[in-house]
Protein backbone atom coordinates (compact mmCIF):
# COMPACT_ATOMS: atom_id res chain seq x y z
CA MET A 1 -25.59 -32.28 19.98
CA SER A 2 -28.08 -34.54 18.29
CA LEU A 3 -26.84 -33.37 14.89
CA PHE A 4 -23.37 -34.67 15.71
CA ARG A 5 -24.79 -37.91 17.03
CA MET A 6 -26.75 -38.41 13.81
CA GLY A 7 -23.93 -37.29 11.52
CA GLN A 8 -25.92 -34.27 10.30
CA ALA A 9 -23.86 -31.49 11.86
CA VAL A 10 -22.46 -28.71 9.69
CA ASP A 11 -19.38 -26.51 10.04
CA GLU A 12 -21.30 -23.88 12.00
CA ASP A 13 -22.29 -26.45 14.64
CA TRP A 14 -18.64 -27.31 15.24
CA GLN A 15 -17.71 -23.63 15.32
CA LEU A 16 -20.40 -22.89 17.91
CA LEU A 17 -19.15 -25.66 20.17
CA SER A 18 -15.56 -24.50 19.78
CA VAL A 19 -16.51 -20.95 20.81
CA MET A 20 -18.55 -22.23 23.76
CA THR A 21 -15.58 -24.37 24.81
CA ALA A 22 -13.19 -21.42 24.52
CA VAL A 23 -15.51 -19.16 26.53
CA SER A 24 -16.00 -21.78 29.25
CA GLY A 25 -12.30 -22.58 29.36
CA LEU A 26 -11.30 -18.92 29.50
CA MET A 27 -13.74 -18.10 32.30
CA ALA A 28 -12.55 -21.14 34.26
CA TYR A 29 -8.90 -20.29 33.62
CA GLU A 30 -9.57 -16.81 34.98
CA GLY A 31 -11.19 -18.20 38.13
CA LEU A 32 -14.90 -18.34 37.31
CA GLY A 33 -15.96 -21.92 37.78
CA VAL A 34 -12.47 -23.37 37.94
CA GLU A 35 -13.95 -26.87 38.08
CA ALA A 36 -14.99 -26.37 34.44
CA LEU A 37 -11.39 -26.12 33.21
CA PRO A 38 -10.65 -29.86 32.92
CA VAL A 39 -14.06 -30.33 31.32
CA ALA A 40 -13.36 -27.60 28.76
CA ARG A 41 -9.96 -29.11 28.03
CA ALA A 42 -11.51 -32.55 27.50
CA ALA A 43 -14.13 -31.01 25.21
CA TRP A 44 -11.38 -29.24 23.27
CA LYS A 45 -9.62 -32.59 22.73
CA SER A 46 -12.90 -34.03 21.52
CA LEU A 47 -13.44 -31.14 19.13
CA ASP A 48 -9.94 -31.61 17.75
CA SER A 49 -10.59 -35.31 17.20
CA ILE A 50 -13.97 -34.59 15.60
CA GLU A 51 -12.39 -32.07 13.24
CA LYS A 52 -9.66 -34.51 12.20
CA ARG A 53 -12.28 -37.18 11.55
CA LYS A 54 -14.26 -34.72 9.43
CA GLN A 55 -11.18 -34.04 7.33
CA LYS A 56 -10.87 -37.78 6.65
CA THR A 57 -14.54 -38.69 6.17
CA GLY A 58 -16.14 -35.44 5.02
CA LYS A 59 -18.79 -35.68 7.78
CA TRP A 60 -19.11 -34.22 11.24
CA GLY A 61 -19.67 -37.04 13.68
CA CYS A 62 -18.48 -38.04 17.11
CA THR A 63 -18.03 -41.01 19.37
CA GLY A 64 -20.04 -41.57 22.53
CA PRO A 65 -17.26 -40.36 24.85
CA GLU A 66 -16.71 -37.26 22.68
CA LEU A 67 -20.41 -36.49 22.76
CA GLN A 68 -20.45 -36.89 26.55
CA SER A 69 -17.50 -34.53 27.00
CA LEU A 70 -19.26 -31.92 24.86
CA ARG A 71 -22.48 -32.31 26.85
CA GLU A 72 -20.60 -31.80 30.11
CA MET A 73 -18.89 -28.71 28.72
CA CYS A 74 -22.25 -27.27 27.64
CA GLU A 75 -23.63 -27.81 31.16
CA TYR A 76 -20.69 -25.98 32.73
CA HIS A 77 -20.86 -23.24 30.11
CA ASP A 78 -24.53 -22.65 30.91
CA LEU A 79 -23.82 -22.54 34.66
CA GLN A 80 -20.98 -20.07 34.14
CA ARG A 81 -23.12 -17.91 31.85
CA GLN A 82 -25.95 -17.78 34.38
CA SER A 83 -23.67 -16.87 37.27
CA VAL A 84 -22.18 -13.67 35.83
CA ALA A 85 -23.47 -10.35 34.59
CA ARG A 86 -24.17 -10.15 30.90
CA SER A 87 -21.30 -7.68 30.43
CA VAL A 88 -18.84 -10.17 31.97
CA TYR A 89 -20.10 -12.95 29.71
CA GLU A 90 -19.95 -10.75 26.61
CA SER A 91 -16.39 -9.76 27.52
CA ALA A 92 -15.45 -13.45 27.79
CA ILE A 93 -16.97 -14.10 24.35
CA PHE A 94 -14.94 -11.26 22.87
CA ARG A 95 -11.73 -12.38 24.56
CA SER A 96 -12.26 -16.03 23.59
CA LYS A 97 -11.56 -15.08 19.98
CA GLY A 98 -7.97 -14.46 21.02
CA VAL A 99 -7.84 -17.90 22.62
CA LEU A 100 -9.04 -19.50 19.41
CA GLN A 101 -6.78 -17.48 17.11
CA ASP A 102 -3.55 -17.39 19.13
CA PRO A 103 -1.85 -20.81 19.44
CA VAL A 104 0.08 -19.74 22.56
CA ARG A 105 -3.07 -18.61 24.40
CA ARG A 106 -4.99 -21.66 23.17
CA ARG A 107 -2.31 -24.00 24.57
CA LYS A 108 -2.26 -22.10 27.86
CA VAL A 109 -6.04 -22.14 28.36
CA LEU A 110 -7.35 -25.19 26.52
CA GLU A 111 -4.47 -27.57 25.95
CA SER A 112 -2.43 -27.47 29.18
CA GLU A 113 -2.84 -30.12 31.82
């Protein structure tokens, strides 16, 4: 997070946060830590905004509210990860690729209200 705050983040940092958001959102959507779903959706909006800003400025950076939404998502993600068996978490990681790559699934899990 500090790399985004300082404007020193790289593409891989954004990608990691997008995967974490997708995993957290997917697990919440499927019933594991349902309270994390609005947090994941807010983080996804922040990531979208951050990406658009990067396209304009050439740098990865974020606002205070965006940074806060990403911090909250990371907290929920960690709680979800700690509350399930490793195999369940690894399955969610694998399945989150579909959420990121399929616009219909992404809208359903991360962009719906």
